[in-house]
Amino acid sequence: MRPVVFSIYHNRFEKMNSGSMNSGDGEMGMGASGEGKTAGQPLSDFLLHLEDYSPTIPDAVTAFYLQTAGFETTDPRIIRLVSLAAQKFVSDVANDALQHCKTRGASQTSKTSKGKDRRYTLTMEDLTPALADYGITVKKPHYFV
């Protein structure tokens, strides 16, 4: 159900941009039905959809970290918006780490994984360069034996 919400907004944004660029009538966001939309209408629609959205990161966790950082809000839509942004950030970092793992694994060919689907493991070796792309430096701790 969650990807549908994203695709609805993606398609609406494309329709709004293509309608305003191609129509030439000066109305911003003139849709196929002929109704004009203001510049803030897609944002208010998005905020209305956030009320029904349940993010992967729970609201209580996001609210705790927002409160720890000194941010106070009573609007649950703001908390869900921050949860959605955090979810996208984690997803982007995980995807980048997977790409690093695939490129590193492409140079190392193993005989056991040629015929079957390969399983990938998230390691610090892959996560460190993915986080470095976002300006986050991760250093391995010193291990004492």
C-alpha atoms as a PDB file:
ATOM      1  CA  MET A   1       0.000   0.000   0.000  1.00  0.00           C
ATOM      2  CA  ARG A   2       2.863   2.420   0.709  1.00  0.00           C
ATOM      3  CA  PRO A   3       4.375   2.399  -2.814  1.00  0.00           C
ATOM      4  CA  VAL A   4       0.978   3.399  -4.230  1.00  0.00           C
ATOM      5  CA  VAL A   5       1.061   6.644  -2.237  1.00  0.00           C
ATOM      6  CA  PHE A   6       4.484   7.497  -3.638  1.00  0.00           C
ATOM      7  CA  SER A   7       3.493   6.669  -7.199  1.00  0.00           C
ATOM      8  CA  ILE A   8       0.329   8.751  -6.905  1.00  0.00           C
ATOM      9  CA  TYR A   9       2.340  11.808  -5.950  1.00  0.00           C
ATOM     10  CA  HIS A  10       5.001  11.119  -8.528  1.00  0.00           C
ATOM     11  CA  ASN A  11       2.398  10.852 -11.286  1.00  0.00           C
ATOM     12  CA  ARG A  12       0.504  13.896 -10.038  1.00  0.00           C
ATOM     13  CA  PHE A  13       3.704  15.940 -10.054  1.00  0.00           C
ATOM     14  CA  GLU A  14       4.479  14.871 -13.608  1.00  0.00           C
ATOM     15  CA  LYS A  15       0.942  15.649 -14.752  1.00  0.00           C
ATOM     16  CA  MET A  16       1.025  19.015 -13.032  1.00  0.00           C
ATOM     17  CA  ASN A  17       4.337  19.955 -14.615  1.00  0.00           C
ATOM     18  CA  SER A  18       3.419  18.701 -18.059  1.00  0.00           C
ATOM     19  CA  GLY A  19       0.024  20.402 -17.880  1.00  0.00           C
ATOM     20  CA  SER A  20       1.483  23.757 -16.960  1.00  0.00           C
ATOM     21  CA  MET A  21       4.284  23.575 -19.519  1.00  0.00           C
ATOM     22  CA  ASN A  22       2.294  22.320 -22.491  1.00  0.00           C
ATOM     23  CA  SER A  23      -1.030  24.071 -22.066  1.00  0.00           C
ATOM     24  CA  GLY A  24       0.264  27.623 -22.393  1.00  0.00           C
ATOM     25  CA  ASP A  25      -2.792  29.062 -20.654  1.00  0.00           C
ATOM     26  CA  GLY A  26      -0.850  30.428 -17.685  1.00  0.00           C
ATOM     27  CA  GLU A  27      -2.696  28.352 -15.093  1.00  0.00           C
ATOM     28  CA  MET A  28      -0.372  26.439 -12.824  1.00  0.00           C
ATOM     29  CA  GLY A  29      -1.301  22.795 -12.496  1.00  0.00           C
ATOM     30  CA  MET A  30      -4.186  22.738 -14.902  1.00  0.00           C
ATOM     31  CA  GLY A  31      -5.228  19.100 -14.907  1.00  0.00           C
ATOM     32  CA  ALA A  32      -7.192  17.066 -17.418  1.00  0.00           C
ATOM     33  CA  SER A  33     -10.426  17.882 -15.585  1.00  0.00           C
ATOM     34  CA  GLY A  34      -9.848  21.616 -16.068  1.00  0.00           C
ATOM     35  CA  GLU A  35      -9.623  22.528 -12.403  1.00  0.00           C
ATOM     36  CA  GLY A  36      -6.785  24.852 -11.410  1.00  0.00           C
ATOM     37  CA  LYS A  37      -4.577  23.960  -8.451  1.00  0.00           C
ATOM     38  CA  THR A  38      -2.611  26.325  -6.343  1.00  0.00           C
ATOM     39  CA  ALA A  39       1.074  25.833  -5.680  1.00  0.00           C
ATOM     40  CA  GLY A  40       0.399  24.506  -2.157  1.00  0.00           C
ATOM     41  CA  GLN A  41      -2.342  22.054  -3.094  1.00  0.00           C
ATOM     42  CA  PRO A  42      -0.106  18.993  -3.690  1.00  0.00           C
ATOM     43  CA  LEU A  43       1.616  19.627  -0.352  1.00  0.00           C
ATOM     44  CA  SER A  44      -1.675  19.803   1.526  1.00  0.00           C
ATOM     45  CA  ASP A  45      -2.847  16.622  -0.228  1.00  0.00           C
ATOM     46  CA  PHE A  46       0.395  14.935   0.776  1.00  0.00           C
ATOM     47  CA  LEU A  47      -0.045  15.999   4.405  1.00  0.00           C
ATOM     48  CA  LEU A  48      -3.579  14.590   4.382  1.00  0.00           C
ATOM     49  CA  HIS A  49      -2.253  11.246   3.160  1.00  0.00           C
ATOM     50  CA  LEU A  50       0.348  11.233   5.937  1.00  0.00           C
ATOM     51  CA  GLU A  51      -2.447  10.843   8.501  1.00  0.00           C
ATOM     52  CA  ASP A  52      -3.231   7.344   7.186  1.00  0.00           C
ATOM     53  CA  TYR A  53       0.370   6.352   6.464  1.00  0.00           C
ATOM     54  CA  SER A  54       2.198   4.055   8.884  1.00  0.00           C
ATOM     55  CA  PRO A  55       5.966   4.435   8.391  1.00  0.00           C
ATOM     56  CA  THR A  56       8.506   1.678   8.917  1.00  0.00           C
ATOM     57  CA  ILE A  57      10.124   3.661  11.724  1.00  0.00           C
ATOM     58  CA  PRO A  58       7.482   3.892  14.485  1.00  0.00           C
ATOM     59  CA  ASP A  59       6.157   7.284  15.538  1.00  0.00           C
ATOM     60  CA  ALA A  60       7.282   6.714  19.133  1.00  0.00           C
ATOM     61  CA  VAL A  61      10.900   6.185  18.061  1.00  0.00           C
ATOM     62  CA  THR A  62      10.892   9.268  15.850  1.00  0.00           C
ATOM     63  CA  ALA A  63       9.182  11.366  18.530  1.00  0.00           C
ATOM     64  CA  PHE A  64      11.766  10.247  21.106  1.00  0.00           C
ATOM     65  CA  TYR A  65      14.718  11.269  18.951  1.00  0.00           C
ATOM     66  CA  LEU A  66      13.056  14.524  17.923  1.00  0.00           C
ATOM     67  CA  GLN A  67      12.425  15.340  21.584  1.00  0.00           C
ATOM     68  CA  THR A  68      16.017  14.405  22.448  1.00  0.00           C
ATOM     69  CA  ALA A  69      17.207  16.835  19.772  1.00  0.00           C
ATOM     70  CA  GLY A  70      14.997  19.575  21.241  1.00  0.00           C
ATOM     71  CA  PHE A  71      12.223  19.531  18.642  1.00  0.00           C
ATOM     72  CA  GLU A  72       8.703  19.535  20.081  1.00  0.00           C
ATOM     73  CA  THR A  73       5.540  19.084  18.049  1.00  0.00           C
ATOM     74  CA  THR A  74       1.989  17.947  18.684  1.00  0.00           C
ATOM     75  CA  ASP A  75       1.202  17.286  15.026  1.00  0.00           C
ATOM     76  CA  PRO A  76       1.616  13.563  14.207  1.00  0.00           C
ATOM     77  CA  ARG A  77       1.959  14.389  10.500  1.00  0.00           C
ATOM     78  CA  ILE A  78       5.251  16.177  11.181  1.00  0.00           C
ATOM     79  CA  ILE A  79       6.540  13.140  13.052  1.00  0.00           C
ATOM     80  CA  ARG A  80       5.504  10.884  10.165  1.00  0.00           C
ATOM     81  CA  LEU A  81       7.145  13.231   7.676  1.00  0.00           C
ATOM     82  CA  VAL A  82      10.431  12.991   9.587  1.00  0.00           C
ATOM     83  CA  SER A  83       9.963   9.200   9.798  1.00  0.00           C
ATOM     84  CA  LEU A  84       9.464   9.075   6.048  1.00  0.00           C
ATOM     85  CA  ALA A  85      12.621  11.126   5.451  1.00  0.00           C
ATOM     86  CA  ALA A  86      14.600   8.868   7.802  1.00  0.00           C
ATOM     87  CA  GLN A  87      13.207   5.785   6.071  1.00  0.00           C
ATOM     88  CA  LYS A  88      14.297   7.123   2.691  1.00  0.00           C
ATOM     89  CA  PHE A  89      17.758   7.941   4.026  1.00  0.00           C
ATOM     90  CA  VAL A  90      18.198   4.427   5.461  1.00  0.00           C
ATOM     91  CA  SER A  91      16.909   2.933   2.215  1.00  0.00           C
ATOM     92  CA  ASP A  92      19.327   5.011   0.116  1.00  0.00           C
ATOM     93  CA  VAL A  93      22.296   4.084   2.317  1.00  0.00           C
ATOM     94  CA  ALA A  94      21.351   0.384   2.220  1.00  0.00           C
ATOM     95  CA  ASN A  95      20.959   0.503  -1.568  1.00  0.00           C
ATOM     96  CA  ASP A  96      24.349   2.206  -1.964  1.00  0.00           C
ATOM     97  CA  ALA A  97      25.937  -0.394   0.321  1.00  0.00           C
ATOM     98  CA  LEU A  98      24.386  -3.148  -1.811  1.00  0.00           C
ATOM     99  CA  GLN A  99      25.859  -1.592  -4.941  1.00  0.00           C
ATOM    100  CA  HIS A 100      29.285  -1.446  -3.268  1.00  0.00           C
ATOM    101  CA  CYS A 101      28.894  -5.103  -2.280  1.00  0.00           C
ATOM    102  CA  LYS A 102      27.945  -6.101  -5.830  1.00  0.00           C
ATOM    103  CA  THR A 103      30.868  -4.255  -7.407  1.00  0.00           C
ATOM    104  CA  ARG A 104      33.265  -5.716  -4.862  1.00  0.00           C
ATOM    105  CA  GLY A 105      31.791  -9.186  -5.405  1.00  0.00           C
ATOM    106  CA  ALA A 106      31.987  -8.899  -9.191  1.00  0.00           C
ATOM    107  CA  SER A 107      35.761  -8.987  -8.992  1.00  0.00           C
ATOM    108  CA  GLN A 108      35.673 -12.030  -6.720  1.00  0.00           C
ATOM    109  CA  THR A 109      34.000 -14.870  -8.590  1.00  0.00           C
ATOM    110  CA  SER A 110      33.108 -17.882  -6.524  1.00  0.00           C
ATOM    111  CA  LYS A 111      32.353 -21.289  -7.966  1.00  0.00           C
ATOM    112  CA  THR A 112      29.495 -22.013  -5.550  1.00  0.00           C
ATOM    113  CA  SER A 113      27.325 -19.030  -6.442  1.00  0.00           C
ATOM    114  CA  LYS A 114      27.375 -19.262 -10.241  1.00  0.00           C
ATOM    115  CA  GLY A 115      24.226 -21.365 -10.626  1.00  0.00           C
ATOM    116  CA  LYS A 116      22.059 -19.984  -7.824  1.00  0.00           C
ATOM    117  CA  ASP A 117      20.856 -16.669  -6.552  1.00  0.00           C
ATOM    118  CA  ARG A 118      23.543 -14.937  -4.574  1.00  0.00           C
ATOM    119  CA  ARG A 119      22.832 -13.779  -1.038  1.00  0.00           C
ATOM    120  CA  TYR A 120      24.448 -10.591   0.136  1.00  0.00           C
ATOM    121  CA  THR A 121      25.503  -9.695   3.652  1.00  0.00           C
ATOM    122  CA  LEU A 122      25.695  -6.111   4.873  1.00  0.00           C
ATOM    123  CA  THR A 123      29.219  -5.592   6.178  1.00  0.00           C
ATOM    124  CA  MET A 124      31.114  -2.588   7.469  1.00  0.00           C
ATOM    125  CA  GLU A 125      33.355  -2.914   4.416  1.00  0.00           C
ATOM    126  CA  ASP A 126      30.358  -2.047   2.217  1.00  0.00           C
ATOM    127  CA  LEU A 127      28.590   0.300   4.614  1.00  0.00           C
ATOM    128  CA  THR A 128      31.581   2.585   5.244  1.00  0.00           C
ATOM    129  CA  PRO A 129      31.934   3.890   1.642  1.00  0.00           C
ATOM    130  CA  ALA A 130      28.145   4.163   1.297  1.00  0.00           C
ATOM    131  CA  LEU A 131      27.980   6.379   4.381  1.00  0.00           C
ATOM    132  CA  ALA A 132      31.045   8.324   3.221  1.00  0.00           C
ATOM    133  CA  ASP A 133      29.043   9.355   0.143  1.00  0.00           C
ATOM    134  CA  TYR A 134      26.662  11.135   2.538  1.00  0.00           C
ATOM    135  CA  GLY A 135      29.447  12.756   4.560  1.00  0.00           C
ATOM    136  CA  ILE A 136      29.352  10.324   7.480  1.00  0.00           C
ATOM    137  CA  THR A 137      32.718   8.995   8.609  1.00  0.00           C
ATOM    138  CA  VAL A 138      32.752   5.569  10.235  1.00  0.00           C
ATOM    139  CA  LYS A 139      35.857   4.225  11.892  1.00  0.00           C
ATOM    140  CA  LYS A 140      36.323   0.701  13.135  1.00  0.00           C
ATOM    141  CA  PRO A 141      36.913   0.446  16.873  1.00  0.00           C
ATOM    142  CA  HIS A 142      40.208  -0.924  18.129  1.00  0.00           C
ATOM    143  CA  TYR A 143      39.901  -4.481  19.335  1.00  0.00           C
ATOM    144  CA  PHE A 144      42.040  -5.581  22.223  1.00  0.00           C
ATOM    145  CA  VAL A 145      42.590  -9.284  22.693  1.00  0.00           C
END
